[in-house]
C-alpha cells in the first residue's frame, strides 16, 4: 500500500504497513548513530582546541553541503529511487564514521581532518534527508500519513534523548568505542532500508531545467502559510539554539563532564518526546497558528533561563521545556509540509525545508560559536533567546495567514 495508489479502506495505523516499519527502524538506527557521533565530535573538537569557534565550525561543515547542493538534492529525490538514495548515503556515512575512528586511533592532534570528514558526512545527509522525507508518503496511504509523521517525529526525539546519553557514556569509555558503535548502527540502518523492498514511485522530473530545479522554492513561496512556518522555525532556532555550546556548559560552567554533557544533550529530547506523546493523543485541532507562535516564544524564554542558569537540575528542566516547545513547531511544520505538498515536487520542497532546518541547527551552531567567542557563552545564549521571542512577535505580524490558521489540514 502506498500513497501513490492508496486502497479505499487502508489502516490509519502506520505500523500496520510493513515497509514503513522498516523505514522507521532505519530512521531510528541512523538517527541514534548521528546523535552519538554528534556528542563525540563536539567533545573531541573542544577537547583538542578549547575554542568555542571550532564548535561553530562543526555545525557549519555539516550545513554548507545542504545549502550549496539544495537545487540538486531535491531533484535527485524526485527523479531517482528514494530508497536507493537512502541506502547509498548511509553507506557514505559508515565510511565517515570509519574515518573518525581512524583519526581517533591516530596520534594526530590537528582538527582539520575532522572537518573534512564532517563535510563528507554533511554531503551524504544533504542527499539522504530529502529522499527520506519524501519516501514516507510513498510507503503509506493518506489515511495513515499523519500518524506516520507523528511516529517519525517521536522516533527522532527518542534518538535525541537516548543518543546523546549513549554518546557521552561511550565517549567516556573512549572515542573509538563511540565511533565504532555509530558505524554498526548505520550498517543496521542500511539493512533495514534493504528490507523495505520495492517502492512504487513516479518519475516526476523527466527533464532537467531551471524551472524544475526551482520548483521547490516556487511552491514554498506561493504557499504563505508554509513559508511562514518554516521561516519562523529557521530564525527562531537560528537565534535561540544553544546545543553547540553545551560542551562549554558541561566543562566550564556546570562542570559535569562528558556524561553530564550527554544528559544535557538529552534534555531537549526528553521534553520533546513528552510533547510528541501528548500531541499523538491530543492533536492540534483549532487555533494552530496562535499555538505555534506562543510555543516559539516559550522556546525563546526557556533558552534565556538555561543560558543564565548555574544549577544542573534547572538547566536540564529548561532544556526539556525548550524541547517541548520546539516539538510543537516541528509538528506543525512537518504536517503542513507533507499534507500540503504534491508528490511531484515533494523531494525538492523537502530539500529546501532541510536547508531551513540545517540553517536553524548547524548554521545556528556556527552563530552560537562565533557570538560565544566574542561575548561569552552565557551572554550568547541569553541574547539568542531574546531574539527568538522577538522573531515570534514579528512573524505573527508579518504572516497573518499563519497566525490566523485554525487547522493543519492539507489541500488534498
Protein backbone atom coordinates (compact mmCIF):
# COMPACT_ATOMS: atom_id res chain seq x y z
CA UNK A 1 0.00 0.00 0.00
CA UNK A 2 1.45 3.36 -0.95
CA UNK A 3 0.41 6.96 -1.04
CA UNK A 4 0.64 6.77 -4.82
CA UNK A 5 -2.26 4.31 -5.06
CA UNK A 6 -3.95 4.01 -1.64
CA UNK A 7 -6.68 1.43 -1.13
CA UNK A 8 -10.12 2.64 -0.24
CA UNK A 9 -10.07 1.11 3.24
CA UNK A 10 -6.44 1.31 4.35
CA UNK A 11 -5.45 1.17 8.01
CA UNK A 12 -4.82 4.57 9.57
CA UNK A 13 -2.19 3.00 11.84
CA UNK A 14 1.18 3.48 10.13
CA UNK A 15 2.65 0.49 11.97
CA UNK A 16 0.25 -1.80 10.10
CA UNK A 17 2.25 -1.13 6.91
CA UNK A 18 5.38 -3.30 6.96
CA UNK A 19 7.55 -1.28 4.53
CA UNK A 20 7.00 1.77 6.69
CA UNK A 21 8.05 -0.18 9.82
CA UNK A 22 11.42 -1.00 8.22
CA UNK A 23 11.72 2.62 7.10
CA UNK A 24 11.06 3.81 10.65
CA UNK A 25 13.64 1.36 12.02
CA UNK A 26 16.20 2.72 9.54
CA UNK A 27 15.48 6.28 10.62
CA UNK A 28 15.79 5.33 14.29
CA UNK A 29 19.03 3.41 13.90
CA UNK A 30 20.65 6.09 11.74
CA UNK A 31 19.39 8.88 13.99
CA UNK A 32 20.80 7.17 17.08
CA UNK A 33 24.17 6.84 15.34
CA UNK A 34 24.17 10.51 14.32
CA UNK A 35 23.46 11.61 17.90
CA UNK A 36 26.32 9.51 19.25
CA UNK A 37 28.67 10.95 16.64
CA UNK A 38 27.48 14.49 17.35
CA UNK A 39 28.31 14.28 21.06
CA UNK A 40 31.62 12.54 20.40
CA UNK A 41 32.74 15.04 17.74
CA UNK A 42 31.73 18.07 19.80
CA UNK A 43 33.57 16.89 22.88
CA UNK A 44 36.62 15.74 20.88
CA UNK A 45 36.98 19.02 18.99
CA UNK A 46 36.59 21.17 22.10
CA UNK A 47 38.97 18.88 24.00
CA UNK A 48 41.59 19.37 21.29
CA UNK A 49 41.29 23.14 20.81
CA UNK A 50 39.26 24.62 23.73
CA UNK A 51 38.00 27.17 21.19
CA UNK A 52 34.23 27.85 21.06
CA UNK A 53 34.58 28.96 17.44
CA UNK A 54 35.59 25.44 16.43
CA UNK A 55 32.28 24.14 17.78
CA UNK A 56 30.63 26.55 15.37
CA UNK A 57 32.69 25.15 12.50
CA UNK A 58 31.43 21.65 13.39
CA UNK A 59 27.92 22.80 12.52
CA UNK A 60 28.99 24.84 9.50
CA UNK A 61 30.86 21.90 7.93
CA UNK A 62 27.68 19.83 8.02
CA UNK A 63 25.33 22.58 6.84
CA UNK A 64 27.19 24.01 3.84
CA UNK A 65 26.77 20.92 1.61
CA UNK A 66 22.98 21.02 2.06
CA UNK A 67 22.94 24.72 1.22
CA UNK A 68 25.22 24.50 -1.82
CA UNK A 69 23.52 21.41 -3.24
CA UNK A 70 19.90 22.28 -2.48
CA UNK A 71 18.88 22.55 -6.14
CA UNK A 72 20.41 19.15 -6.92
CA UNK A 73 19.48 17.04 -3.89
CA UNK A 74 15.75 17.67 -4.16
CA UNK A 75 15.65 16.99 -7.89
CA UNK A 76 17.57 13.74 -7.37
CA UNK A 77 14.99 12.69 -4.76
CA UNK A 78 12.16 13.34 -7.23
CA UNK A 79 13.84 11.76 -10.24
CA UNK A 80 15.52 8.63 -8.84
CA UNK A 81 14.72 5.81 -6.44
CA UNK A 82 14.42 7.35 -2.98
CA UNK A 83 15.09 4.08 -1.17
CA UNK A 84 18.30 3.54 -3.15
CA UNK A 85 19.42 7.08 -2.36
CA UNK A 86 18.91 6.41 1.36
CA UNK A 87 20.98 3.24 1.21
CA UNK A 88 23.88 4.80 -0.71
CA UNK A 89 24.01 7.83 1.58
CA UNK A 90 24.04 5.63 4.67
CA UNK A 91 26.96 3.74 3.15
CA UNK A 92 28.88 7.03 2.84
CA UNK A 93 28.03 7.82 6.47
CA UNK A 94 29.51 4.48 7.53
CA UNK A 95 32.72 5.48 5.72
CA UNK A 96 32.72 8.84 7.54
CA UNK A 97 32.32 7.14 10.92
CA UNK A 98 35.22 4.88 9.98
CA UNK A 99 37.28 7.96 9.14
CA UNK A 100 36.59 9.47 12.57
CA UNK A 101 37.52 6.15 14.17
CA UNK A 102 40.85 6.04 12.30
CA UNK A 103 41.58 9.67 13.23
CA UNK A 104 40.90 8.95 16.91
CA UNK A 105 43.22 5.94 16.85
CA UNK A 106 46.00 8.05 15.36
CA UNK A 107 48.23 10.45 17.28
CA UNK A 108 47.27 13.36 15.02
CA UNK A 109 46.28 16.42 17.07
CA UNK A 110 45.11 18.83 14.34
CA UNK A 111 41.34 19.09 13.91
CA UNK A 112 41.14 19.83 10.19
CA UNK A 113 40.72 16.14 9.22
CA UNK A 114 37.60 16.05 11.40
CA UNK A 115 36.12 18.97 9.47
CA UNK A 116 36.95 17.31 6.13
CA UNK A 117 35.14 14.16 7.27
CA UNK A 118 32.19 16.24 8.50
CA UNK A 119 31.88 17.87 5.08
CA UNK A 120 31.60 14.40 3.55
CA UNK A 121 29.09 13.42 6.21
CA UNK A 122 27.09 16.60 5.59
CA UNK A 123 27.06 15.89 1.85
CA UNK A 124 25.63 12.43 2.43
CA UNK A 125 22.97 13.84 4.74
CA UNK A 126 22.17 16.54 2.18
CA UNK A 127 21.18 13.87 -0.36
CA UNK A 128 19.61 11.46 2.13
CA UNK A 129 17.28 13.79 4.04
CA UNK A 130 15.06 14.98 1.15
CA UNK A 131 14.83 11.44 -0.20
CA UNK A 132 13.96 10.01 3.21
CA UNK A 133 11.40 12.73 3.93
CA UNK A 134 9.75 12.27 0.56
CA UNK A 135 9.77 8.46 0.84
CA UNK A 136 7.36 8.23 3.79
CA UNK A 137 4.26 9.30 1.78
CA UNK A 138 5.18 6.63 -0.80
CA UNK A 139 5.03 3.96 1.91
CA UNK A 140 1.73 4.95 3.50
CA UNK A 141 -1.83 5.65 2.36
CA UNK A 142 -3.01 9.16 3.08
CA UNK A 143 -5.18 7.89 5.94
CA UNK A 144 -2.04 6.79 7.83
CA UNK A 145 0.27 9.63 6.84
CA UNK A 146 -0.48 11.91 9.80
CA UNK A 147 0.20 9.02 12.19
CA UNK A 148 3.40 8.26 10.32
CA UNK A 149 4.55 11.87 10.65
CA UNK A 150 3.99 11.79 14.40
CA UNK A 151 5.89 8.47 14.65
CA UNK A 152 8.77 9.91 12.62
CA UNK A 153 8.97 12.88 14.98
CA UNK A 154 8.68 10.66 18.05
CA UNK A 155 11.43 8.34 16.78
CA UNK A 156 13.69 11.27 16.10
CA UNK A 157 13.05 12.62 19.58
CA UNK A 158 13.72 9.24 21.19
CA UNK A 159 17.09 9.13 19.47
CA UNK A 160 17.64 12.70 20.64
CA UNK A 161 17.06 11.56 24.22
CA UNK A 162 18.96 8.29 24.25
CA UNK A 163 21.61 9.05 21.64
CA UNK A 164 23.39 11.89 23.49
CA UNK A 165 23.36 9.94 26.77
CA UNK A 166 24.80 6.91 25.00
CA UNK A 167 27.27 9.14 23.19
CA UNK A 168 28.50 10.66 26.44
CA UNK A 169 28.79 7.25 28.09
CA UNK A 170 30.54 5.69 25.11
CA UNK A 171 32.93 8.61 24.67
CA UNK A 172 33.62 8.41 28.40
CA UNK A 173 34.93 4.90 27.66
CA UNK A 174 36.78 6.01 24.53
CA UNK A 175 36.22 7.85 21.28
CA UNK A 176 36.97 4.66 19.40
CA UNK A 177 34.05 2.89 21.06
CA UNK A 178 31.67 5.78 20.29
CA UNK A 179 32.56 5.85 16.59
CA UNK A 180 32.58 2.06 16.33
CA UNK A 181 29.05 1.81 17.71
CA UNK A 182 27.94 4.54 15.28
CA UNK A 183 29.30 2.50 12.37
CA UNK A 184 27.39 -0.59 13.47
CA UNK A 185 24.12 1.33 13.86
CA UNK A 186 24.46 2.87 10.41
CA UNK A 187 25.11 -0.58 8.94
CA UNK A 188 21.92 -1.79 10.64
CA UNK A 189 20.05 1.14 9.07
CA UNK A 190 21.26 0.04 5.62
CA UNK A 191 19.92 -3.48 6.29
CA UNK A 192 16.53 -2.03 7.24
CA UNK A 193 16.43 0.04 4.05
CA UNK A 194 17.02 -3.13 2.02
CA UNK A 195 14.11 -4.80 3.82
CA UNK A 196 11.73 -2.01 2.77
CA UNK A 197 11.56 -3.66 -0.62
CA UNK A 198 10.46 -2.17 -3.92
CA UNK A 199 8.61 1.13 -3.58
CA UNK A 200 6.35 2.36 -6.41
CA UNK A 201 7.40 5.89 -7.31
CA UNK A 202 6.50 8.01 -10.29
CA UNK A 203 9.37 9.64 -12.18
CA UNK A 204 8.17 13.22 -11.95
CA UNK A 205 11.25 15.07 -13.19
CA UNK A 206 11.87 13.70 -16.69
CA UNK A 207 13.56 16.86 -17.95
CA UNK A 208 16.05 18.95 -16.05
CA UNK A 209 15.61 22.68 -16.47
CA UNK A 210 15.83 25.82 -14.38
CA UNK A 211 12.09 25.58 -13.75
CA UNK A 212 12.31 22.03 -12.40
CA UNK A 213 15.31 22.94 -10.23
CA UNK A 214 13.46 25.89 -8.70
CA UNK A 215 10.09 24.17 -8.33
CA UNK A 216 10.54 23.64 -4.59
CA UNK A 217 11.27 27.31 -3.97
CA UNK A 218 8.35 28.33 -6.15
CA UNK A 219 5.90 26.13 -4.26
CA UNK A 220 7.01 27.37 -0.84
CA UNK A 221 6.89 30.97 -1.97
CA UNK A 222 3.35 30.52 -3.28
CA UNK A 223 2.12 28.97 0.00
CA UNK A 224 2.32 31.77 2.55
CA UNK A 225 1.39 29.54 5.47
CA UNK A 226 4.15 27.05 4.61
CA UNK A 227 6.65 29.86 4.01
CA UNK A 228 5.75 31.48 7.32
CA UNK A 229 6.01 28.22 9.28
CA UNK A 230 9.41 27.11 8.02
CA UNK A 231 10.94 30.62 8.09
CA UNK A 232 9.67 31.08 11.65
CA UNK A 233 11.39 27.87 12.66
CA UNK A 234 14.52 28.92 10.76
CA UNK A 235 15.06 32.23 12.53
CA UNK A 236 13.74 31.13 15.92
CA UNK A 237 16.16 28.22 16.25
CA UNK A 238 18.94 30.08 14.42
CA UNK A 239 18.91 32.69 17.18
CA UNK A 240 17.85 30.52 20.11
CA UNK A 241 19.86 27.36 19.51
CA UNK A 242 22.21 26.57 22.40
CA UNK A 243 23.12 22.94 21.70
CA UNK A 244 26.50 23.75 20.14
CA UNK A 245 27.63 25.44 23.36
CA UNK A 246 26.67 22.56 25.66
CA UNK A 247 30.29 21.28 25.80
CA UNK A 248 31.24 24.67 27.29
CA UNK A 249 28.43 24.48 29.83
CA UNK A 250 29.31 20.87 30.68
CA UNK A 251 33.03 21.52 31.13
CA UNK A 252 33.38 25.11 32.33
CA UNK A 253 30.04 26.38 33.71
CA UNK A 254 28.17 23.42 35.20
CA UNK A 255 31.29 21.21 35.47
CA UNK A 256 29.55 17.88 34.83
CA UNK A 257 31.97 16.18 32.38
CA UNK A 258 31.23 14.06 29.28
CA UNK A 259 28.45 12.04 30.92
CA UNK A 260 26.80 15.25 32.08
CA UNK A 261 27.09 16.55 28.52
CA UNK A 262 25.08 13.54 27.40
CA UNK A 263 22.39 14.36 29.98
CA UNK A 264 22.28 17.99 28.87
CA UNK A 265 22.02 16.95 25.22
CA UNK A 266 19.17 14.61 26.17
CA UNK A 267 17.23 17.38 27.93
CA UNK A 268 15.51 18.85 24.85
CA UNK A 269 14.65 15.36 23.63
CA UNK A 270 13.01 14.44 26.92
CA UNK A 271 10.70 17.43 26.69
CA UNK A 272 10.06 16.84 23.00
CA UNK A 273 9.07 13.19 23.36
CA UNK A 274 6.64 14.05 26.18
CA UNK A 275 5.10 16.70 23.94
CA UNK A 276 5.03 14.28 20.99
CA UNK A 277 3.11 11.74 23.06
CA UNK A 278 0.68 14.47 24.12
CA UNK A 279 0.18 15.58 20.51
CA UNK A 280 -0.42 12.00 19.38
CA UNK A 281 -3.27 11.75 21.88
CA UNK A 282 -4.49 15.33 21.63
CA UNK A 283 -3.56 16.70 18.19
CA UNK A 284 -3.92 20.37 17.41
CA UNK A 285 -7.45 20.81 16.06
CA UNK A 286 -8.02 24.55 16.36
CA UNK A 287 -6.08 27.83 16.71
CA UNK A 288 -2.97 26.13 15.29
CA UNK A 289 -1.32 29.42 14.30
CA UNK A 290 -1.74 31.08 17.69
CA UNK A 291 -0.49 27.96 19.47
CA UNK A 292 2.56 27.86 17.20
CA UNK A 293 3.59 31.44 17.97
CA UNK A 294 3.04 31.02 21.71
CA UNK A 295 5.28 27.97 21.86
CA UNK A 296 8.00 29.57 19.74
CA UNK A 297 8.05 32.49 22.17
CA UNK A 298 8.15 29.95 25.02
CA UNK A 299 11.18 28.34 23.38
CA UNK A 300 12.98 31.68 23.50
CA UNK A 301 12.09 32.31 27.14
CA UNK A 302 13.32 28.85 28.23
CA UNK A 303 16.54 29.47 26.29
CA UNK A 304 17.14 32.58 28.37
CA UNK A 305 16.54 30.61 31.58
CA UNK A 306 19.02 27.94 30.51
CA UNK A 307 21.62 30.48 29.49
CA UNK A 308 21.59 32.19 32.88
CA UNK A 309 21.26 29.03 34.99
CA UNK A 310 24.11 27.81 37.19
CA UNK A 311 22.10 24.86 38.52
CA UNK A 312 22.29 21.47 36.78
CA UNK A 313 18.65 20.45 37.56
CA UNK A 314 17.31 23.85 36.46
CA UNK A 315 19.40 23.69 33.28
CA UNK A 316 18.03 20.24 32.39
CA UNK A 317 14.45 21.37 33.09
CA UNK A 318 14.93 24.47 30.93
CA UNK A 319 16.35 22.35 28.11
CA UNK A 320 13.43 19.92 28.40
CA UNK A 321 10.93 22.79 28.14
CA UNK A 322 12.84 24.10 25.12
CA UNK A 323 12.44 20.68 23.50
CA UNK A 324 8.73 20.58 24.27
CA UNK A 325 8.16 23.99 22.72
CA UNK A 326 10.26 23.12 19.68
CA UNK A 327 8.27 19.90 19.19
CA UNK A 328 5.11 21.93 18.62
CA UNK A 329 6.90 23.87 15.88
CA UNK A 330 8.22 20.66 14.32
CA UNK A 331 4.77 19.04 14.45
CA UNK A 332 3.08 21.98 12.73
CA UNK A 333 5.78 22.44 10.10
CA UNK A 334 6.16 18.78 9.13
CA UNK A 335 2.39 18.22 8.99
CA UNK A 336 2.00 21.19 6.69
CA UNK A 337 4.92 20.11 4.50
CA UNK A 338 3.72 16.56 3.93
CA UNK A 339 -0.02 17.14 3.65
CA UNK A 340 0.12 20.27 1.51
CA UNK A 341 2.91 19.25 -0.90
CA UNK A 342 2.18 17.30 -4.15
CA UNK A 343 4.35 14.20 -4.63
CA UNK A 344 5.62 15.63 -7.92
CA UNK A 345 7.68 18.28 -6.09
CA UNK A 346 7.93 16.69 -2.63
CA UNK A 347 11.65 15.91 -2.90
CA UNK A 348 12.54 19.45 -3.95
CA UNK A 349 10.29 21.03 -1.32
CA UNK A 350 11.80 18.80 1.35
CA UNK A 351 15.30 19.70 0.16
CA UNK A 352 14.50 23.39 0.67
CA UNK A 353 12.93 22.58 4.01
CA UNK A 354 16.04 20.69 5.05
CA UNK A 355 18.16 23.72 4.22
CA UNK A 356 15.91 25.76 6.50
CA UNK A 357 16.29 23.11 9.21
CA UNK A 358 20.03 22.93 8.65
CA UNK A 359 20.33 26.70 8.77
CA UNK A 360 18.45 26.76 12.06
CA UNK A 361 20.54 23.94 13.54
CA UNK A 362 24.04 23.68 12.02
CA UNK A 363 24.26 27.33 10.97
CA UNK A 364 22.74 28.24 14.32
CA UNK A 365 25.58 26.32 15.97
CA UNK A 366 28.06 28.37 13.95
CA UNK A 367 26.33 31.60 15.03
CA UNK A 368 26.39 30.48 18.65
CA UNK A 369 30.08 29.62 18.47
CA UNK A 370 31.02 32.96 16.90
CA UNK A 371 28.97 35.00 19.38
CA UNK A 372 30.26 32.95 22.33
CA UNK A 373 33.85 33.56 21.22
CA UNK A 374 33.04 37.27 21.12
CA UNK A 375 30.97 37.91 24.27
CA UNK A 376 30.97 34.58 26.15
CA UNK A 377 28.67 31.56 26.17
CA UNK A 378 26.18 32.80 28.79
CA UNK A 379 25.54 36.12 27.06
CA UNK A 380 25.37 34.42 23.64
CA UNK A 381 22.64 32.01 24.76
CA UNK A 382 20.60 34.60 26.69
CA UNK A 383 20.66 37.16 23.87
CA UNK A 384 19.75 34.44 21.37
CA UNK A 385 16.71 33.51 23.44
CA UNK A 386 15.56 37.10 23.49
CA UNK A 387 16.00 37.20 19.72
CA UNK A 388 13.75 34.16 19.34
CA UNK A 389 10.98 35.86 21.32
CA UNK A 390 11.32 38.90 19.04
CA UNK A 391 11.05 36.67 15.95
CA UNK A 392 7.81 35.15 17.25
CA UNK A 393 6.36 38.63 17.72
CA UNK A 394 7.33 40.00 14.31
CA UNK A 395 6.37 36.82 12.37
CA UNK A 396 2.91 36.91 13.94
CA UNK A 397 2.52 40.34 12.35
CA UNK A 398 4.19 39.62 9.01
CA UNK A 399 2.39 36.30 8.36
CA UNK A 400 -1.24 36.85 9.38
CA UNK A 401 -2.29 33.81 7.29
CA UNK A 402 -0.21 31.60 9.57
CA UNK A 403 -1.29 33.37 12.75
CA UNK A 404 -4.96 33.02 11.83
CA UNK A 405 -4.69 29.37 10.70
CA UNK A 406 -7.21 27.25 12.59
CA UNK A 407 -6.31 23.71 11.43
CA UNK A 408 -3.40 21.89 9.78
CA UNK A 409 -5.47 20.17 7.12
CA UNK A 410 -3.86 19.75 3.75
CA UNK A 411 -5.45 20.76 0.48
CA UNK A 412 -5.82 17.21 -0.81
